[in-house]
Amino acid sequence: MGIEINISDLNISGDAEILNKTKIRSNSDVDIDLKHLDINGNAKLLNNLEVDSVLNELRQKEQSMDINSAEYPQIKRITSQNQWNKDDFVGCVMKHISEFSQGVLASIVANLLTK
């Protein structure tokens, strides 16, 4: 069973903040459905949303990797950091994605994007 967030037919205005700094720590499917929203003023919806499934799945893949492979030290460096700033994590992924010869990280991201 995955996580499902459905927000529909809502008018958000003023300085309202809804589900900001939300952290989803799950390996399950995450489905966020937003329909017919009217957001005005300084209102914020799902600002700084964090879904840890990419990092969690990468940690699982690390356990079965060949420790002598070229990408293992890079994967280990990524997974050993307890908390990532979102921009730093994306930057790290972009820097190393072409170097992962076995495509571990690329297959995780692609798998999540096609769900």
PDB file of N, CA and C in Angstrom:
ATOM      1  N   MET A   1       0.853  -1.179   0.000  1.00  0.00           N
ATOM      2  CA  MET A   1       0.000   0.000   0.000  1.00  0.00           C
ATOM      3  C   MET A   1       0.893   1.234   0.000  1.00  0.00           C
ATOM      4  N   GLY A   2       0.591   2.159  -0.885  1.00  0.00           N
ATOM      5  CA  GLY A   2       1.384   3.368  -1.009  1.00  0.00           C
ATOM      6  C   GLY A   2       0.782   4.542  -0.264  1.00  0.00           C
ATOM      7  N   ILE A   3       1.377   5.685  -0.496  1.00  0.00           N
ATOM      8  CA  ILE A   3       0.907   6.933   0.104  1.00  0.00           C
ATOM      9  C   ILE A   3       0.177   7.710  -0.963  1.00  0.00           C
ATOM     10  N   GLU A   4      -1.039   8.148  -0.653  1.00  0.00           N
ATOM     11  CA  GLU A   4      -1.837   8.897  -1.615  1.00  0.00           C
ATOM     12  C   GLU A   4      -2.279  10.206  -0.979  1.00  0.00           C
ATOM     13  N   ILE A   5      -1.973  11.305  -1.657  1.00  0.00           N
ATOM     14  CA  ILE A   5      -2.413  12.634  -1.230  1.00  0.00           C
ATOM     15  C   ILE A   5      -3.266  13.188  -2.352  1.00  0.00           C
ATOM     16  N   ASN A   6      -4.532  13.482  -2.045  1.00  0.00           N
ATOM     17  CA  ASN A   6      -5.456  13.999  -3.047  1.00  0.00           C
ATOM     18  C   ASN A   6      -6.004  15.328  -2.550  1.00  0.00           C
ATOM     19  N   ILE A   7      -5.672  16.397  -3.246  1.00  0.00           N
ATOM     20  CA  ILE A   7      -6.166  17.731  -2.907  1.00  0.00           C
ATOM     21  C   ILE A   7      -6.894  18.261  -4.137  1.00  0.00           C
ATOM     22  N   SER A   8      -8.206  18.459  -3.984  1.00  0.00           N
ATOM     23  CA  SER A   8      -9.016  18.874  -5.121  1.00  0.00           C
ATOM     24  C   SER A   8      -9.991  19.972  -4.726  1.00  0.00           C
ATOM     25  N   ASP A   9     -10.362  20.788  -5.735  1.00  0.00           N
ATOM     26  CA  ASP A   9     -11.399  21.815  -5.575  1.00  0.00           C
ATOM     27  C   ASP A   9     -11.157  22.678  -4.338  1.00  0.00           C
ATOM     28  N   LEU A  10     -10.002  23.305  -4.299  1.00  0.00           N
ATOM     29  CA  LEU A  10      -9.619  24.079  -3.122  1.00  0.00           C
ATOM     30  C   LEU A  10      -9.151  25.464  -3.544  1.00  0.00           C
ATOM     31  N   ASN A  11      -9.533  26.472  -2.762  1.00  0.00           N
ATOM     32  CA  ASN A  11      -9.071  27.836  -2.974  1.00  0.00           C
ATOM     33  C   ASN A  11      -8.114  28.165  -1.839  1.00  0.00           C
ATOM     34  N   ILE A  12      -6.845  28.380  -2.180  1.00  0.00           N
ATOM     35  CA  ILE A  12      -5.806  28.676  -1.193  1.00  0.00           C
ATOM     36  C   ILE A  12      -5.339  30.101  -1.449  1.00  0.00           C
ATOM     37  N   SER A  13      -5.427  30.951  -0.414  1.00  0.00           N
ATOM     38  CA  SER A  13      -5.058  32.349  -0.642  1.00  0.00           C
ATOM     39  C   SER A  13      -4.455  32.949   0.616  1.00  0.00           C
ATOM     40  N   GLY A  14      -4.090  34.234   0.491  1.00  0.00           N
ATOM     41  CA  GLY A  14      -3.467  34.923   1.617  1.00  0.00           C
ATOM     42  C   GLY A  14      -2.083  34.372   1.893  1.00  0.00           C
ATOM     43  N   ASP A  15      -1.783  34.141   3.156  1.00  0.00           N
ATOM     44  CA  ASP A  15      -0.492  33.583   3.560  1.00  0.00           C
ATOM     45  C   ASP A  15      -0.610  32.113   3.963  1.00  0.00           C
ATOM     46  N   ALA A  16      -1.638  31.437   3.468  1.00  0.00           N
ATOM     47  CA  ALA A  16      -1.874  30.041   3.831  1.00  0.00           C
ATOM     48  C   ALA A  16      -0.700  29.166   3.400  1.00  0.00           C
ATOM     49  N   GLU A  17      -0.379  28.203   4.230  1.00  0.00           N
ATOM     50  CA  GLU A  17       0.660  27.225   3.923  1.00  0.00           C
ATOM     51  C   GLU A  17       0.077  25.847   4.182  1.00  0.00           C
ATOM     52  N   ILE A  18       0.028  25.025   3.140  1.00  0.00           N
ATOM     53  CA  ILE A  18      -0.578  23.704   3.258  1.00  0.00           C
ATOM     54  C   ILE A  18       0.449  22.640   2.903  1.00  0.00           C
ATOM     55  N   LEU A  19       0.667  21.731   3.835  1.00  0.00           N
ATOM     56  CA  LEU A  19       1.598  20.608   3.683  1.00  0.00           C
ATOM     57  C   LEU A  19       3.006  21.055   3.298  1.00  0.00           C
ATOM     58  N   ASN A  20       3.436  22.178   3.823  1.00  0.00           N
ATOM     59  CA  ASN A  20       4.795  22.635   3.551  1.00  0.00           C
ATOM     60  C   ASN A  20       5.767  21.893   4.455  1.00  0.00           C
ATOM     61  N   LYS A  21       6.964  21.701   3.958  1.00  0.00           N
ATOM     62  CA  LYS A  21       8.010  20.947   4.648  1.00  0.00           C
ATOM     63  C   LYS A  21       7.556  19.522   4.968  1.00  0.00           C
ATOM     64  N   THR A  22       6.708  18.962   4.105  1.00  0.00           N
ATOM     65  CA  THR A  22       6.242  17.591   4.267  1.00  0.00           C
ATOM     66  C   THR A  22       7.371  16.640   3.911  1.00  0.00           C
ATOM     67  N   LYS A  23       7.576  15.628   4.750  1.00  0.00           N
ATOM     68  CA  LYS A  23       8.592  14.612   4.495  1.00  0.00           C
ATOM     69  C   LYS A  23       7.902  13.264   4.395  1.00  0.00           C
ATOM     70  N   ILE A  24       8.098  12.587   3.290  1.00  0.00           N
ATOM     71  CA  ILE A  24       7.538  11.264   3.103  1.00  0.00           C
ATOM     72  C   ILE A  24       8.696  10.283   3.134  1.00  0.00           C
ATOM     73  N   ARG A  25       8.720   9.462   4.158  1.00  0.00           N
ATOM     74  CA  ARG A  25       9.790   8.490   4.325  1.00  0.00           C
ATOM     75  C   ARG A  25       9.201   7.103   4.137  1.00  0.00           C
ATOM     76  N   SER A  26       9.210   6.647   2.883  1.00  0.00           N
ATOM     77  CA  SER A  26       8.574   5.379   2.554  1.00  0.00           C
ATOM     78  C   SER A  26       9.168   4.823   1.276  1.00  0.00           C
ATOM     79  N   ASN A  27       9.195   3.507   1.177  1.00  0.00           N
ATOM     80  CA  ASN A  27       9.607   2.881  -0.079  1.00  0.00           C
ATOM     81  C   ASN A  27       8.399   2.526  -0.927  1.00  0.00           C
ATOM     82  N   SER A  28       7.212   2.846  -0.429  1.00  0.00           N
ATOM     83  CA  SER A  28       5.982   2.563  -1.153  1.00  0.00           C
ATOM     84  C   SER A  28       5.779   3.590  -2.257  1.00  0.00           C
ATOM     85  N   ASP A  29       4.826   3.303  -3.125  1.00  0.00           N
ATOM     86  CA  ASP A  29       4.463   4.258  -4.169  1.00  0.00           C
ATOM     87  C   ASP A  29       3.908   5.516  -3.517  1.00  0.00           C
ATOM     88  N   VAL A  30       4.255   6.653  -4.069  1.00  0.00           N
ATOM     89  CA  VAL A  30       3.735   7.932  -3.602  1.00  0.00           C
ATOM     90  C   VAL A  30       2.953   8.547  -4.753  1.00  0.00           C
ATOM     91  N   ASP A  31       1.675   8.823  -4.518  1.00  0.00           N
ATOM     92  CA  ASP A  31       0.812   9.405  -5.539  1.00  0.00           C
ATOM     93  C   ASP A  31       0.246  10.707  -4.998  1.00  0.00           C
ATOM     94  N   ILE A  32       0.618  11.823  -5.615  1.00  0.00           N
ATOM     95  CA  ILE A  32       0.120  13.134  -5.211  1.00  0.00           C
ATOM     96  C   ILE A  32      -0.737  13.661  -6.353  1.00  0.00           C
ATOM     97  N   ASP A  33      -2.027  13.848  -6.077  1.00  0.00           N
ATOM     98  CA  ASP A  33      -2.987  14.267  -7.096  1.00  0.00           C
ATOM     99  C   ASP A  33      -3.556  15.628  -6.706  1.00  0.00           C
ATOM    100  N   LEU A  34      -3.281  16.633  -7.527  1.00  0.00           N
ATOM    101  CA  LEU A  34      -3.770  17.994  -7.291  1.00  0.00           C
ATOM    102  C   LEU A  34      -4.661  18.377  -8.462  1.00  0.00           C
ATOM    103  N   LYS A  35      -5.932  18.714  -8.174  1.00  0.00           N
ATOM    104  CA  LYS A  35      -6.865  19.066  -9.252  1.00  0.00           C
ATOM    105  C   LYS A  35      -7.704  20.267  -8.852  1.00  0.00           C
ATOM    106  N   HIS A  36      -7.965  21.115  -9.828  1.00  0.00           N
ATOM    107  CA  HIS A  36      -8.883  22.241  -9.667  1.00  0.00           C
ATOM    108  C   HIS A  36      -8.526  23.102  -8.457  1.00  0.00           C
ATOM    109  N   LEU A  37      -7.279  23.553  -8.410  1.00  0.00           N
ATOM    110  CA  LEU A  37      -6.820  24.398  -7.313  1.00  0.00           C
ATOM    111  C   LEU A  37      -6.728  25.836  -7.766  1.00  0.00           C
ATOM    112  N   ASP A  38      -7.054  26.738  -6.853  1.00  0.00           N
ATOM    113  CA  ASP A  38      -6.910  28.169  -7.098  1.00  0.00           C
ATOM    114  C   ASP A  38      -5.986  28.698  -6.004  1.00  0.00           C
ATOM    115  N   ILE A  39      -4.746  29.016  -6.367  1.00  0.00           N
ATOM    116  CA  ILE A  39      -3.748  29.458  -5.390  1.00  0.00           C
ATOM    117  C   ILE A  39      -3.426  30.921  -5.669  1.00  0.00           C
ATOM    118  N   ASN A  40      -3.645  31.785  -4.670  1.00  0.00           N
ATOM    119  CA  ASN A  40      -3.462  33.230  -4.833  1.00  0.00           C
ATOM    120  C   ASN A  40      -2.614  33.801  -3.699  1.00  0.00           C
ATOM    121  N   GLY A  41      -2.106  35.015  -3.947  1.00  0.00           N
ATOM    122  CA  GLY A  41      -1.344  35.715  -2.917  1.00  0.00           C
ATOM    123  C   GLY A  41      -0.033  35.017  -2.619  1.00  0.00           C
ATOM    124  N   ASN A  42       0.310  34.947  -1.343  1.00  0.00           N
ATOM    125  CA  ASN A  42       1.554  34.310  -0.902  1.00  0.00           C
ATOM    126  C   ASN A  42       1.342  32.871  -0.459  1.00  0.00           C
ATOM    127  N   ALA A  43       0.218  32.293  -0.835  1.00  0.00           N
ATOM    128  CA  ALA A  43      -0.107  30.930  -0.411  1.00  0.00           C
ATOM    129  C   ALA A  43       0.924  29.942  -0.957  1.00  0.00           C
ATOM    130  N   LYS A  44       1.184  28.906  -0.178  1.00  0.00           N
ATOM    131  CA  LYS A  44       2.158  27.885  -0.562  1.00  0.00           C
ATOM    132  C   LYS A  44       1.544  26.509  -0.364  1.00  0.00           C
ATOM    133  N   LEU A  45       1.762  25.643  -1.333  1.00  0.00           N
ATOM    134  CA  LEU A  45       1.253  24.282  -1.275  1.00  0.00           C
ATOM    135  C   LEU A  45       2.393  23.326  -1.578  1.00  0.00           C
ATOM    136  N   LEU A  46       2.641  22.393  -0.682  1.00  0.00           N
ATOM    137  CA  LEU A  46       3.689  21.380  -0.836  1.00  0.00           C
ATOM    138  C   LEU A  46       5.067  22.002  -1.084  1.00  0.00           C
ATOM    139  N   ASN A  47       5.321  23.141  -0.459  1.00  0.00           N
ATOM    140  CA  ASN A  47       6.616  23.796  -0.578  1.00  0.00           C
ATOM    141  C   ASN A  47       7.646  22.987   0.202  1.00  0.00           C
ATOM    142  N   ASN A  48       8.804  22.722  -0.381  1.00  0.00           N
ATOM    143  CA  ASN A  48       9.880  21.926   0.238  1.00  0.00           C
ATOM    144  C   ASN A  48       9.456  20.491   0.529  1.00  0.00           C
ATOM    145  N   LEU A  49       8.657  19.911  -0.356  1.00  0.00           N
ATOM    146  CA  LEU A  49       8.255  18.515  -0.227  1.00  0.00           C
ATOM    147  C   LEU A  49       9.486  17.622  -0.340  1.00  0.00           C
ATOM    148  N   GLU A  50       9.616  16.650   0.560  1.00  0.00           N
ATOM    149  CA  GLU A  50      10.738  15.716   0.519  1.00  0.00           C
ATOM    150  C   GLU A  50      10.206  14.299   0.437  1.00  0.00           C
ATOM    151  N   VAL A  51      10.614  13.578  -0.601  1.00  0.00           N
ATOM    152  CA  VAL A  51      10.263  12.171  -0.751  1.00  0.00           C
ATOM    153  C   VAL A  51      11.577  11.402  -0.782  1.00  0.00           C
ATOM    154  N   ASP A  52      11.819  10.612   0.242  1.00  0.00           N
ATOM    155  CA  ASP A  52      13.111   9.940   0.407  1.00  0.00           C
ATOM    156  C   ASP A  52      13.235   8.624  -0.345  1.00  0.00           C
ATOM    157  N   SER A  53      12.271   8.263  -1.170  1.00  0.00           N
ATOM    158  CA  SER A  53      12.297   6.946  -1.791  1.00  0.00           C
ATOM    159  C   SER A  53      13.499   6.728  -2.701  1.00  0.00           C
ATOM    160  N   VAL A  54      13.988   7.764  -3.388  1.00  0.00           N
ATOM    161  CA  VAL A  54      15.163   7.585  -4.250  1.00  0.00           C
ATOM    162  C   VAL A  54      16.366   7.210  -3.408  1.00  0.00           C
ATOM    163  N   LEU A  55      16.611   7.958  -2.348  1.00  0.00           N
ATOM    164  CA  LEU A  55      17.760   7.685  -1.489  1.00  0.00           C
ATOM    165  C   LEU A  55      17.606   6.340  -0.774  1.00  0.00           C
ATOM    166  N   ASN A  56      16.408   6.007  -0.336  1.00  0.00           N
ATOM    167  CA  ASN A  56      16.184   4.723   0.337  1.00  0.00           C
ATOM    168  C   ASN A  56      16.431   3.554  -0.608  1.00  0.00           C
ATOM    169  N   GLU A  57      15.950   3.679  -1.834  1.00  0.00           N
ATOM    170  CA  GLU A  57      16.166   2.593  -2.793  1.00  0.00           C
ATOM    171  C   GLU A  57      17.641   2.479  -3.156  1.00  0.00           C
ATOM    172  N   LEU A  58      18.315   3.600  -3.266  1.00  0.00           N
ATOM    173  CA  LEU A  58      19.746   3.579  -3.550  1.00  0.00           C
ATOM    174  C   LEU A  58      20.501   2.859  -2.427  1.00  0.00           C
ATOM    175  N   ARG A  59      20.098   3.089  -1.179  1.00  0.00           N
ATOM    176  CA  ARG A  59      20.723   2.392  -0.041  1.00  0.00           C
ATOM    177  C   ARG A  59      20.508   0.883  -0.134  1.00  0.00           C
ATOM    178  N   GLN A  60      19.333   0.465  -0.591  1.00  0.00           N
ATOM    179  CA  GLN A  60      19.072  -0.961  -0.759  1.00  0.00           C
ATOM    180  C   GLN A  60      19.944  -1.546  -1.862  1.00  0.00           C
ATOM    181  N   LYS A  61      20.062  -0.830  -2.980  1.00  0.00           N
ATOM    182  CA  LYS A  61      20.883  -1.305  -4.101  1.00  0.00           C
ATOM    183  C   LYS A  61      22.355  -1.418  -3.695  1.00  0.00           C
ATOM    184  N   GLU A  62      22.785  -0.502  -2.845  1.00  0.00           N
ATOM    185  CA  GLU A  62      24.179  -0.500  -2.398  1.00  0.00           C
ATOM    186  C   GLU A  62      24.550  -1.838  -1.745  1.00  0.00           C
ATOM    187  N   GLN A  63      23.597  -2.443  -1.045  1.00  0.00           N
ATOM    188  CA  GLN A  63      23.858  -3.689  -0.328  1.00  0.00           C
ATOM    189  C   GLN A  63      24.203  -4.849  -1.261  1.00  0.00           C
ATOM    190  N   SER A  64      23.741  -4.800  -2.499  1.00  0.00           N
ATOM    191  CA  SER A  64      24.004  -5.900  -3.433  1.00  0.00           C
ATOM    192  C   SER A  64      25.029  -5.556  -4.506  1.00  0.00           C
ATOM    193  N   MET A  65      25.630  -4.370  -4.400  1.00  0.00           N
ATOM    194  CA  MET A  65      26.604  -3.946  -5.411  1.00  0.00           C
ATOM    195  C   MET A  65      27.959  -4.621  -5.206  1.00  0.00           C
ATOM    196  N   ASP A  66      28.696  -4.738  -6.277  1.00  0.00           N
ATOM    197  CA  ASP A  66      30.080  -5.193  -6.221  1.00  0.00           C
ATOM    198  C   ASP A  66      30.916  -4.058  -5.626  1.00  0.00           C
ATOM    199  N   ILE A  67      31.528  -4.312  -4.467  1.00  0.00           N
ATOM    200  CA  ILE A  67      32.277  -3.240  -3.787  1.00  0.00           C
ATOM    201  C   ILE A  67      33.529  -2.839  -4.560  1.00  0.00           C
ATOM    202  N   ASN A  68      33.928  -3.630  -5.534  1.00  0.00           N
ATOM    203  CA  ASN A  68      35.094  -3.308  -6.356  1.00  0.00           C
ATOM    204  C   ASN A  68      34.726  -2.553  -7.634  1.00  0.00           C
ATOM    205  N   SER A  69      33.422  -2.309  -7.826  1.00  0.00           N
ATOM    206  CA  SER A  69      33.004  -1.601  -9.035  1.00  0.00           C
ATOM    207  C   SER A  69      33.389  -0.129  -8.946  1.00  0.00           C
ATOM    208  N   ALA A  70      33.450   0.512 -10.098  1.00  0.00           N
ATOM    209  CA  ALA A  70      33.860   1.918 -10.161  1.00  0.00           C
ATOM    210  C   ALA A  70      32.848   2.840  -9.495  1.00  0.00           C
ATOM    211  N   GLU A  71      31.565   2.483  -9.575  1.00  0.00           N
ATOM    212  CA  GLU A  71      30.549   3.379  -9.012  1.00  0.00           C
ATOM    213  C   GLU A  71      30.292   3.176  -7.526  1.00  0.00           C
ATOM    214  N   TYR A  72      30.760   2.071  -6.955  1.00  0.00           N
ATOM    215  CA  TYR A  72      30.480   1.804  -5.540  1.00  0.00           C
ATOM    216  C   TYR A  72      30.948   2.925  -4.603  1.00  0.00           C
ATOM    217  N   PRO A  73      32.173   3.449  -4.734  1.00  0.00           N
ATOM    218  CA  PRO A  73      32.586   4.530  -3.823  1.00  0.00           C
ATOM    219  C   PRO A  73      31.700   5.772  -3.925  1.00  0.00           C
ATOM    220  N   GLN A  74      31.229   6.072  -5.133  1.00  0.00           N
ATOM    221  CA  GLN A  74      30.354   7.229  -5.308  1.00  0.00           C
ATOM    222  C   GLN A  74      28.996   6.980  -4.651  1.00  0.00           C
ATOM    223  N   ILE A  75      28.448   5.784  -4.858  1.00  0.00           N
ATOM    224  CA  ILE A  75      27.171   5.434  -4.230  1.00  0.00           C
ATOM    225  C   ILE A  75      27.323   5.466  -2.706  1.00  0.00           C
ATOM    226  N   LYS A  76      28.405   4.931  -2.215  1.00  0.00           N
ATOM    227  CA  LYS A  76      28.657   4.895  -0.772  1.00  0.00           C
ATOM    228  C   LYS A  76      28.727   6.311  -0.203  1.00  0.00           C
ATOM    229  N   ARG A  77      29.364   7.212  -0.918  1.00  0.00           N
ATOM    230  CA  ARG A  77      29.465   8.606  -0.462  1.00  0.00           C
ATOM    231  C   ARG A  77      28.086   9.252  -0.384  1.00  0.00           C
ATOM    232  N   ILE A  78      27.247   8.983  -1.380  1.00  0.00           N
ATOM    233  CA  ILE A  78      25.906   9.550  -1.397  1.00  0.00           C
ATOM    234  C   ILE A  78      25.065   8.985  -0.251  1.00  0.00           C
ATOM    235  N   THR A  79      25.100   7.671  -0.071  1.00  0.00           N
ATOM    236  CA  THR A  79      24.241   7.038   0.932  1.00  0.00           C
ATOM    237  C   THR A  79      24.740   7.218   2.357  1.00  0.00           C
ATOM    238  N   SER A  80      26.004   7.535   2.525  1.00  0.00           N
ATOM    239  CA  SER A  80      26.529   7.679   3.890  1.00  0.00           C
ATOM    240  C   SER A  80      26.179   9.025   4.519  1.00  0.00           C
ATOM    241  N   GLN A  81      25.751   9.963   3.706  1.00  0.00           N
ATOM    242  CA  GLN A  81      25.360  11.269   4.248  1.00  0.00           C
ATOM    243  C   GLN A  81      23.964  11.143   4.852  1.00  0.00           C
ATOM    244  N   ASN A  82      23.837  11.480   6.131  1.00  0.00           N
ATOM    245  CA  ASN A  82      22.565  11.303   6.830  1.00  0.00           C
ATOM    246  C   ASN A  82      21.447  12.165   6.287  1.00  0.00           C
ATOM    247  N   GLN A  83      21.736  13.387   5.937  1.00  0.00           N
ATOM    248  CA  GLN A  83      20.693  14.279   5.431  1.00  0.00           C
ATOM    249  C   GLN A  83      21.262  15.094   4.283  1.00  0.00           C
ATOM    250  N   TRP A  84      20.482  15.196   3.237  1.00  0.00           N
ATOM    251  CA  TRP A  84      20.892  15.947   2.056  1.00  0.00           C
ATOM    252  C   TRP A  84      20.031  17.184   1.909  1.00  0.00           C
ATOM    253  N   ASN A  85      20.653  18.279   1.559  1.00  0.00           N
ATOM    254  CA  ASN A  85      19.925  19.439   1.077  1.00  0.00           C
ATOM    255  C   ASN A  85      19.455  19.071  -0.323  1.00  0.00           C
ATOM    256  N   LYS A  86      18.202  19.373  -0.656  1.00  0.00           N
ATOM    257  CA  LYS A  86      17.621  18.961  -1.939  1.00  0.00           C
ATOM    258  C   LYS A  86      18.484  19.389  -3.117  1.00  0.00           C
ATOM    259  N   ASP A  87      18.916  20.639  -3.143  1.00  0.00           N
ATOM    260  CA  ASP A  87      19.707  21.140  -4.270  1.00  0.00           C
ATOM    261  C   ASP A  87      21.055  20.441  -4.357  1.00  0.00           C
ATOM    262  N   ASP A  88      21.678  20.164  -3.210  1.00  0.00           N
ATOM    263  CA  ASP A  88      22.956  19.456  -3.207  1.00  0.00           C
ATOM    264  C   ASP A  88      22.793  18.031  -3.728  1.00  0.00           C
ATOM    265  N   PHE A  89      21.695  17.369  -3.336  1.00  0.00           N
ATOM    266  CA  PHE A  89      21.457  16.003  -3.791  1.00  0.00           C
ATOM    267  C   PHE A  89      21.254  15.965  -5.303  1.00  0.00           C
ATOM    268  N   VAL A  90      20.422  16.854  -5.811  1.00  0.00           N
ATOM    269  CA  VAL A  90      20.185  16.907  -7.259  1.00  0.00           C
ATOM    270  C   VAL A  90      21.493  17.205  -7.995  1.00  0.00           C
ATOM    271  N   GLY A  91      22.288  18.144  -7.471  1.00  0.00           N
ATOM    272  CA  GLY A  91      23.580  18.461  -8.076  1.00  0.00           C
ATOM    273  C   GLY A  91      24.516  17.271  -8.093  1.00  0.00           C
ATOM    274  N   CYS A  92      24.533  16.526  -6.993  1.00  0.00           N
ATOM    275  CA  CYS A  92      25.386  15.338  -6.910  1.00  0.00           C
ATOM    276  C   CYS A  92      24.945  14.283  -7.920  1.00  0.00           C
ATOM    277  N   VAL A  93      23.655  14.066  -8.019  1.00  0.00           N
ATOM    278  CA  VAL A  93      23.133  13.091  -8.978  1.00  0.00           C
ATOM    279  C   VAL A  93      23.493  13.511 -10.400  1.00  0.00           C
ATOM    280  N   MET A  94      23.295  14.776 -10.727  1.00  0.00           N
ATOM    281  CA  MET A  94      23.598  15.245 -12.076  1.00  0.00           C
ATOM    282  C   MET A  94      25.087  15.120 -12.396  1.00  0.00           C
ATOM    283  N   LYS A  95      25.931  15.351 -11.409  1.00  0.00           N
ATOM    284  CA  LYS A  95      27.375  15.274 -11.624  1.00  0.00           C
ATOM    285  C   LYS A  95      27.819  13.844 -11.920  1.00  0.00           C
ATOM    286  N   HIS A  96      27.236  12.885 -11.212  1.00  0.00           N
ATOM    287  CA  HIS A  96      27.733  11.512 -11.299  1.00  0.00           C
ATOM    288  C   HIS A  96      26.900  10.567 -12.147  1.00  0.00           C
ATOM    289  N   ILE A  97      25.735  10.988 -12.584  1.00  0.00           N
ATOM    290  CA  ILE A  97      24.855  10.040 -13.273  1.00  0.00           C
ATOM    291  C   ILE A  97      25.498   9.443 -14.525  1.00  0.00           C
ATOM    292  N   SER A  98      26.262  10.221 -15.245  1.00  0.00           N
ATOM    293  CA  SER A  98      26.898   9.679 -16.455  1.00  0.00           C
ATOM    294  C   SER A  98      28.061   8.745 -16.132  1.00  0.00           C
ATOM    295  N   GLU A  99      28.553   8.805 -14.899  1.00  0.00           N
ATOM    296  CA  GLU A  99      29.691   7.969 -14.511  1.00  0.00           C
ATOM    297  C   GLU A  99      29.279   6.599 -13.989  1.00  0.00           C
ATOM    298  N   PHE A 100      28.018   6.396 -13.676  1.00  0.00           N
ATOM    299  CA  PHE A 100      27.581   5.125 -13.110  1.00  0.00           C
ATOM    300  C   PHE A 100      27.443   4.091 -14.217  1.00  0.00           C
ATOM    301  N   SER A 101      28.498   3.305 -14.412  1.00  0.00           N
ATOM    302  CA  SER A 101      28.532   2.385 -15.545  1.00  0.00           C
ATOM    303  C   SER A 101      27.446   1.330 -15.482  1.00  0.00           C
ATOM    304  N   GLN A 102      27.032   0.926 -14.325  1.00  0.00           N
ATOM    305  CA  GLN A 102      25.985  -0.094 -14.224  1.00  0.00           C
ATOM    306  C   GLN A 102      24.596   0.529 -14.221  1.00  0.00           C
ATOM    307  N   GLY A 103      24.532   1.837 -14.216  1.00  0.00           N
ATOM    308  CA  GLY A 103      23.244   2.508 -14.308  1.00  0.00           C
ATOM    309  C   GLY A 103      22.366   2.371 -13.077  1.00  0.00           C
ATOM    310  N   VAL A 104      22.974   2.152 -11.897  1.00  0.00           N
ATOM    311  CA  VAL A 104      22.189   1.935 -10.689  1.00  0.00           C
ATOM    312  C   VAL A 104      21.280   3.121 -10.400  1.00  0.00           C
ATOM    313  N   LEU A 105      21.844   4.294 -10.303  1.00  0.00           N
ATOM    314  CA  LEU A 105      21.045   5.465  -9.973  1.00  0.00           C
ATOM    315  C   LEU A 105      20.088   5.824 -11.102  1.00  0.00           C
ATOM    316  N   ALA A 106      20.549   5.711 -12.340  1.00  0.00           N
ATOM    317  CA  ALA A 106      19.693   6.038 -13.481  1.00  0.00           C
ATOM    318  C   ALA A 106      18.472   5.132 -13.522  1.00  0.00           C
ATOM    319  N   SER A 107      18.631   3.859 -13.220  1.00  0.00           N
ATOM    320  CA  SER A 107      17.482   2.952 -13.267  1.00  0.00           C
ATOM    321  C   SER A 107      16.504   3.239 -12.122  1.00  0.00           C
ATOM    322  N   ILE A 108      17.004   3.667 -10.973  1.00  0.00           N
ATOM    323  CA  ILE A 108      16.121   4.016  -9.858  1.00  0.00           C
ATOM    324  C   ILE A 108      15.288   5.227 -10.219  1.00  0.00           C
ATOM    325  N   VAL A 109      15.932   6.282 -10.717  1.00  0.00           N
ATOM    326  CA  VAL A 109      15.216   7.498 -11.080  1.00  0.00           C
ATOM    327  C   VAL A 109      14.228   7.214 -12.209  1.00  0.00           C
ATOM    328  N   ALA A 110      14.645   6.472 -13.223  1.00  0.00           N
ATOM    329  CA  ALA A 110      13.758   6.150 -14.336  1.00  0.00           C
ATOM    330  C   ALA A 110      12.565   5.328 -13.866  1.00  0.00           C
ATOM    331  N   ASN A 111      12.810   4.402 -12.954  1.00  0.00           N
ATOM    332  CA  ASN A 111      11.740   3.577 -12.422  1.00  0.00           C
ATOM    333  C   ASN A 111      10.710   4.434 -11.690  1.00  0.00           C
ATOM    334  N   LEU A 112      11.166   5.400 -10.925  1.00  0.00           N
ATOM    335  CA  LEU A 112      10.246   6.262 -10.195  1.00  0.00           C
ATOM    336  C   LEU A 112       9.479   7.195 -11.134  1.00  0.00           C
ATOM    337  N   LEU A 113      10.134   7.657 -12.192  1.00  0.00           N
ATOM    338  CA  LEU A 113       9.482   8.576 -13.132  1.00  0.00           C
ATOM    339  C   LEU A 113       8.406   7.879 -13.973  1.00  0.00           C
ATOM    340  N   THR A 114       8.541   6.576 -14.175  1.00  0.00           N
ATOM    341  CA  THR A 114       7.583   5.868 -15.028  1.00  0.00           C
ATOM    342  C   THR A 114       6.434   5.253 -14.250  1.00  0.00           C
ATOM    343  N   LYS A 115       6.401   5.442 -12.943  1.00  0.00           N
ATOM    344  CA  LYS A 115       5.301   4.874 -12.140  1.00  0.00           C
ATOM    345  C   LYS A 115       4.054   5.659 -12.315  1.00  0.00           C
TER     346      LYS A 115
END
